[in-house]
Amino acid sequence: MFAIAIQQEQYKTYFLSDQAAQSQIEVVPERGGIVTRWQFQGHDIFYLDEARFTNPELTVRGGIPILFPICGNLPDNTYTHKGQVYTLKQHGFAREMPWEVVDQGTEDSASLSLQLTSNEQTRAVYPFDFQVVFTYKLHGNSLELHQRFTNHSSDPMPFSTGLHPYFAVADKSQLQLDIPGTEFFNQQTQSIETYSGQFDFEQDEIDAAFRNVTRQTATATDVNAKFRLTLDYDALYSTVVFWTVKGKDFYCLEPWTAPRNALNTGDHLTHLDPGATLEAIVKFSIDFL
């Protein structure tokens, strides 16, 4: 049985549940359309920094922040379009803006659709008219994110998009990663390094971008918690980023359609024709060992 409940806390929160699978997510539309929690059979899948979440002046560290219309940061936070310089903050504005609930359902899944539409605020930093719709679908052991991007501008719309999920982990030394790449760009050292299948978690920070991934699946097995997370993503996603910070009980496994600074370099940048719509799906699954 699928169900949706609403509760007014600091923010209006939607609770989507699959009672047969003992699975529930919490979605907060006005806080960047974010999924803040996923509890599956007694396990908290996501990490959430409660202090940052409750402070509207700070970006959220936890759940699944939505990255649009860029992933990562730009040099000096700037890019040029038609000779004009614009300022755009790291990861774009979607994760900081309120989203509107446009649909929900409990027929074959617990689903909730949220919409973000361009306005004066977005056009000041990104001169395009757009509509973005995210539909969260909870069913069994999986959480699917169905995405639809529409360009309402008269010019082609350049963008990249991605997700920044924070997964809870008690002991990173018990993580077994299968990321589809043999090398990565180390954001800390600004160099390309060979990937052996393991990271040194004694480093203060790991920020590794696997570009041109060789397949559309990555996994993280938490031996300590006895389950495997599988991340499936459409071919649109060219990059998977692994990020974590020493002393914090999370790791991030992030599908991006393009690497950092694509709005300037054009690397894997999507150009959506006027009036066109692009759809993509990312799926998270949990399997116990």
Protein backbone atom coordinates (compact mmCIF):
# COMPACT_ATOMS: atom_id res chain seq x y z
CA MET A 1 0.00 0.00 0.00
CA PHE A 2 1.28 3.41 -1.00
CA ALA A 3 0.46 6.57 0.92
CA ILE A 4 1.23 10.29 1.03
CA ALA A 5 0.90 12.43 4.15
CA ILE A 6 1.62 16.11 4.76
CA GLN A 7 2.90 17.68 7.94
CA GLN A 8 3.60 21.34 8.68
CA GLU A 9 6.92 21.54 10.48
CA GLN A 10 9.40 24.37 9.96
CA TYR A 11 8.64 23.67 6.30
CA LYS A 12 5.69 21.82 4.81
CA THR A 13 6.90 18.22 4.50
CA TYR A 14 5.50 15.44 2.32
CA PHE A 15 5.85 11.85 3.55
CA LEU A 16 5.75 9.24 0.79
CA SER A 17 5.58 5.62 1.92
CA ASP A 18 5.45 2.08 0.62
CA GLN A 19 4.14 0.32 3.68
CA ALA A 20 4.63 -3.21 2.31
CA ALA A 21 8.32 -2.50 1.67
CA GLN A 22 8.74 -0.54 4.93
CA SER A 23 10.08 2.41 2.94
CA GLN A 24 9.46 6.13 3.45
CA ILE A 25 10.91 9.38 2.11
CA GLU A 26 10.41 12.97 3.23
CA VAL A 27 10.26 15.76 0.64
CA VAL A 28 10.44 19.49 1.39
CA PRO A 29 9.37 21.44 -1.74
CA GLU A 30 10.09 24.95 -0.43
CA ARG A 31 13.67 24.01 0.58
CA GLY A 32 14.94 23.36 -2.92
CA GLY A 33 12.55 20.51 -3.70
CA ILE A 34 14.82 18.29 -1.61
CA VAL A 35 14.36 14.75 -0.38
CA THR A 36 15.68 15.01 3.18
CA ARG A 37 15.24 11.46 4.40
CA TRP A 38 14.81 7.92 3.16
CA GLN A 39 14.20 5.22 5.72
CA PHE A 40 14.18 1.67 4.39
CA GLN A 41 13.46 -1.28 6.68
CA GLY A 42 14.81 0.57 9.69
CA HIS A 43 17.89 1.98 7.98
CA ASP A 44 18.45 5.71 7.44
CA ILE A 45 19.85 5.82 3.91
CA PHE A 46 20.61 9.55 3.81
CA TYR A 47 22.70 11.79 6.02
CA LEU A 48 21.23 15.15 7.05
CA ASP A 49 22.92 18.06 8.82
CA GLU A 50 19.91 19.26 10.83
CA ALA A 51 21.52 22.57 11.84
CA ARG A 52 22.15 23.58 8.23
CA PHE A 53 18.72 22.36 7.13
CA THR A 54 16.90 24.50 9.70
CA ASN A 55 18.92 27.61 8.78
CA PRO A 56 17.46 29.09 5.57
CA GLU A 57 20.60 31.16 5.05
CA LEU A 58 22.70 28.01 4.51
CA THR A 59 22.67 25.40 1.77
CA VAL A 60 21.55 21.95 2.86
CA ARG A 61 24.14 19.27 3.50
CA GLY A 62 22.13 16.09 3.38
CA GLY A 63 19.37 14.33 1.48
CA ILE A 64 19.43 14.89 -2.29
CA PRO A 65 20.15 18.50 -3.30
CA ILE A 66 19.24 19.21 -6.94
CA LEU A 67 21.95 20.75 -9.14
CA PHE A 68 20.74 23.03 -11.97
CA PRO A 69 21.64 24.76 -14.26
CA ILE A 70 25.27 23.89 -13.42
CA CYS A 71 27.15 21.21 -11.50
CA GLY A 72 30.11 22.31 -9.43
CA ASN A 73 31.45 25.83 -9.57
CA LEU A 74 32.61 28.31 -12.21
CA PRO A 75 35.88 30.28 -12.00
CA ASP A 76 35.00 33.42 -10.02
CA ASN A 77 31.39 32.17 -10.22
CA THR A 78 31.05 33.76 -13.67
CA TYR A 79 30.29 32.79 -17.27
CA THR A 80 29.66 34.73 -20.47
CA HIS A 81 26.61 34.49 -22.73
CA LYS A 82 26.21 36.66 -25.84
CA GLY A 83 28.97 38.94 -24.62
CA GLN A 84 27.43 39.53 -21.22
CA VAL A 85 28.97 38.27 -17.97
CA TYR A 86 26.69 36.56 -15.48
CA THR A 87 27.31 35.43 -11.91
CA LEU A 88 26.10 31.97 -10.93
CA LYS A 89 26.86 30.32 -7.59
CA GLN A 90 28.17 26.79 -7.14
CA HIS A 91 25.72 24.08 -8.23
CA GLY A 92 23.23 26.69 -9.50
CA PHE A 93 20.05 27.95 -7.88
CA ALA A 94 17.60 25.03 -7.99
CA ARG A 95 18.68 23.67 -4.59
CA GLU A 96 17.95 27.02 -2.92
CA MET A 97 14.59 27.93 -4.45
CA PRO A 98 11.06 26.90 -3.49
CA TRP A 99 9.47 24.31 -5.79
CA GLU A 100 5.74 23.91 -6.44
CA VAL A 101 3.88 20.63 -5.99
CA VAL A 102 2.02 19.91 -9.24
CA ASP A 103 0.97 16.26 -8.94
CA GLN A 104 0.92 13.26 -6.63
CA GLY A 105 -0.24 9.69 -6.80
CA THR A 106 -0.43 6.37 -4.94
CA GLU A 107 -1.44 3.93 -7.69
CA ASP A 108 1.70 1.96 -8.66
CA SER A 109 4.08 3.90 -6.40
CA ALA A 110 4.09 6.78 -3.96
CA SER A 111 4.87 9.68 -6.29
CA LEU A 112 5.21 13.43 -5.95
CA SER A 113 5.89 15.89 -8.78
CA LEU A 114 7.54 19.26 -8.13
CA GLN A 115 8.04 22.12 -10.56
CA LEU A 116 10.56 24.94 -10.81
CA THR A 117 9.88 27.72 -13.32
CA SER A 118 12.07 30.61 -14.40
CA ASN A 119 11.34 34.05 -12.93
CA GLU A 120 13.01 37.44 -12.59
CA GLN A 121 15.39 36.08 -9.96
CA THR A 122 16.64 33.24 -12.16
CA ARG A 123 16.79 35.32 -15.34
CA ALA A 124 19.11 37.79 -13.62
CA VAL A 125 21.78 35.08 -13.37
CA TYR A 126 20.65 32.69 -16.14
CA PRO A 127 18.88 34.45 -19.04
CA PHE A 128 16.56 31.64 -20.12
CA ASP A 129 12.92 30.71 -19.65
CA PHE A 130 12.53 27.14 -18.47
CA GLN A 131 10.39 24.65 -16.64
CA VAL A 132 11.89 21.80 -14.64
CA VAL A 133 9.73 19.02 -13.21
CA PHE A 134 11.04 16.37 -10.81
CA THR A 135 8.87 13.37 -9.94
CA TYR A 136 9.93 11.24 -6.99
CA LYS A 137 8.67 7.65 -7.15
CA LEU A 138 9.01 5.33 -4.17
CA HIS A 139 8.38 1.63 -4.81
CA GLY A 140 9.80 -1.46 -3.11
CA ASN A 141 13.52 -1.12 -2.53
CA SER A 142 13.96 1.78 -4.97
CA LEU A 143 13.60 5.53 -5.25
CA GLU A 144 13.35 6.90 -8.79
CA LEU A 145 13.81 10.52 -9.84
CA HIS A 146 12.10 11.29 -13.14
CA GLN A 147 13.21 14.64 -14.52
CA ARG A 148 11.82 16.79 -17.33
CA PHE A 149 13.53 19.95 -18.62
CA THR A 150 11.71 22.28 -21.04
CA ASN A 151 13.17 25.32 -22.80
CA HIS A 152 10.62 28.12 -23.22
CA SER A 153 13.25 30.53 -24.59
CA SER A 154 13.74 31.60 -28.20
CA ASP A 155 17.42 30.54 -28.04
CA PRO A 156 19.00 27.14 -27.31
CA MET A 157 19.39 26.70 -23.54
CA PRO A 158 22.78 25.47 -22.28
CA PHE A 159 22.81 23.66 -18.95
CA SER A 160 24.06 20.78 -16.91
CA THR A 161 22.18 19.03 -14.15
CA GLY A 162 22.93 16.55 -11.43
CA LEU A 163 22.18 15.23 -7.97
CA HIS A 164 24.24 15.57 -4.80
CA PRO A 165 22.97 12.75 -2.54
CA TYR A 166 24.48 12.40 0.92
CA PHE A 167 24.53 8.78 2.07
CA ALA A 168 24.88 7.95 5.75
CA VAL A 169 27.86 5.78 6.72
CA ALA A 170 29.17 4.90 10.18
CA ASP A 171 32.51 3.43 9.11
CA LYS A 172 33.96 4.50 5.75
CA SER A 173 36.67 1.85 5.99
CA GLN A 174 33.86 -0.67 5.45
CA LEU A 175 32.78 0.91 2.16
CA GLN A 176 33.36 -1.05 -1.04
CA LEU A 177 32.97 1.15 -4.12
CA ASP A 178 32.39 0.14 -7.73
CA ILE A 179 32.62 3.31 -9.82
CA PRO A 180 32.86 2.88 -13.62
CA GLY A 181 36.20 4.54 -14.33
CA THR A 182 39.94 3.87 -14.11
CA GLU A 183 40.96 7.45 -13.39
CA PHE A 184 39.49 10.59 -11.86
CA PHE A 185 40.12 14.31 -11.69
CA ASN A 186 41.20 15.25 -8.17
CA GLN A 187 39.64 18.61 -7.39
CA GLN A 188 41.95 19.05 -4.40
CA THR A 189 45.20 18.68 -6.37
CA GLN A 190 43.84 19.69 -9.79
CA SER A 191 45.36 16.54 -11.28
CA ILE A 192 44.26 13.30 -12.90
CA GLU A 193 44.86 10.22 -10.76
CA THR A 194 44.54 6.49 -11.34
CA TYR A 195 41.65 4.78 -9.56
CA SER A 196 42.39 1.40 -8.02
CA GLY A 197 38.95 0.86 -6.54
CA GLN A 198 39.80 2.36 -3.15
CA PHE A 199 40.27 5.75 -1.51
CA ASP A 200 42.36 6.80 1.46
CA PHE A 201 39.73 7.97 3.92
CA GLU A 202 42.39 9.48 6.18
CA GLN A 203 42.55 12.42 3.76
CA ASP A 204 40.82 15.57 4.99
CA GLU A 205 38.66 15.68 1.86
CA ILE A 206 38.15 13.51 -1.21
CA ASP A 207 36.66 15.20 -4.28
CA ALA A 208 37.00 12.86 -7.25
CA ALA A 209 35.28 13.41 -10.61
CA PHE A 210 35.07 10.33 -12.83
CA ARG A 211 34.58 11.76 -16.32
CA ASN A 212 33.29 9.82 -19.30
CA VAL A 213 32.02 6.94 -17.18
CA THR A 214 32.04 3.55 -18.92
CA ARG A 215 28.63 2.34 -17.77
CA GLN A 216 25.43 3.75 -16.29
CA THR A 217 25.67 2.06 -12.89
CA ALA A 218 27.75 2.62 -9.76
CA THR A 219 27.51 0.82 -6.42
CA ALA A 220 28.56 1.37 -2.83
CA THR A 221 28.48 -1.61 -0.48
CA ASP A 222 28.39 -0.82 3.22
CA VAL A 223 29.77 -4.00 4.77
CA ASN A 224 29.14 -2.67 8.26
CA ALA A 225 25.45 -1.92 7.59
CA LYS A 226 25.12 -5.02 5.40
CA PHE A 227 23.51 -3.46 2.34
CA ARG A 228 24.45 -2.34 -1.14
CA LEU A 229 23.39 0.93 -2.74
CA THR A 230 23.02 0.85 -6.52
CA LEU A 231 22.94 4.09 -8.49
CA ASP A 232 21.52 3.81 -12.03
CA TYR A 233 21.52 6.84 -14.32
CA ASP A 234 20.71 7.60 -17.97
CA ALA A 235 23.37 8.00 -20.66
CA LEU A 236 22.91 11.77 -20.35
CA TYR A 237 25.07 11.58 -17.22
CA SER A 238 28.73 11.65 -18.26
CA THR A 239 30.31 12.17 -14.84
CA VAL A 240 30.11 10.56 -11.40
CA VAL A 241 31.60 12.47 -8.46
CA PHE A 242 32.65 10.86 -5.20
CA TRP A 243 32.97 13.36 -2.34
CA THR A 244 33.45 13.03 1.39
CA VAL A 245 35.00 14.93 4.31
CA LYS A 246 37.04 13.36 7.12
CA GLY A 247 35.16 13.15 10.40
CA LYS A 248 31.71 13.40 8.79
CA ASP A 249 29.37 10.42 8.64
CA PHE A 250 28.52 10.73 4.96
CA TYR A 251 29.76 10.09 1.46
CA CYS A 252 28.34 11.48 -1.77
CA LEU A 253 28.00 9.54 -5.01
CA GLU A 254 26.79 12.14 -7.50
CA PRO A 255 25.62 11.72 -11.11
CA TRP A 256 26.33 14.85 -13.18
CA THR A 257 25.54 15.40 -16.86
CA ALA A 258 28.70 17.50 -17.27
CA PRO A 259 31.81 18.31 -15.23
CA ARG A 260 32.63 21.59 -13.50
CA ASN A 261 32.75 24.75 -15.59
CA ALA A 262 30.93 23.18 -18.55
CA LEU A 263 29.00 26.41 -19.05
CA ASN A 264 32.32 28.00 -20.05
CA THR A 265 34.13 25.05 -21.64
CA GLY A 266 31.18 23.36 -23.33
CA ASP A 267 32.39 19.94 -22.12
CA HIS A 268 29.35 17.61 -22.27
CA LEU A 269 27.12 20.67 -21.95
CA THR A 270 23.49 20.08 -22.93
CA HIS A 271 21.97 22.55 -25.43
CA LEU A 272 18.19 22.27 -25.41
CA ASP A 273 16.48 23.69 -28.51
CA PRO A 274 13.71 26.29 -28.15
CA GLY A 275 10.45 24.59 -27.24
CA ALA A 276 12.16 21.24 -26.70
CA THR A 277 11.89 18.94 -23.69
CA LEU A 278 14.49 16.55 -22.32
CA GLU A 279 13.75 13.73 -19.89
CA ALA A 280 16.08 11.73 -17.65
CA ILE A 281 15.86 9.16 -14.86
CA VAL A 282 18.10 8.41 -11.90
CA LYS A 283 17.35 5.43 -9.67
CA PHE A 284 18.60 4.48 -6.20
CA SER A 285 18.15 0.89 -5.01
CA ILE A 286 18.94 -0.84 -1.70
CA ASP A 287 19.73 -4.55 -1.43
CA PHE A 288 20.65 -6.28 1.81
CA LEU A 289 23.67 -8.57 1.82
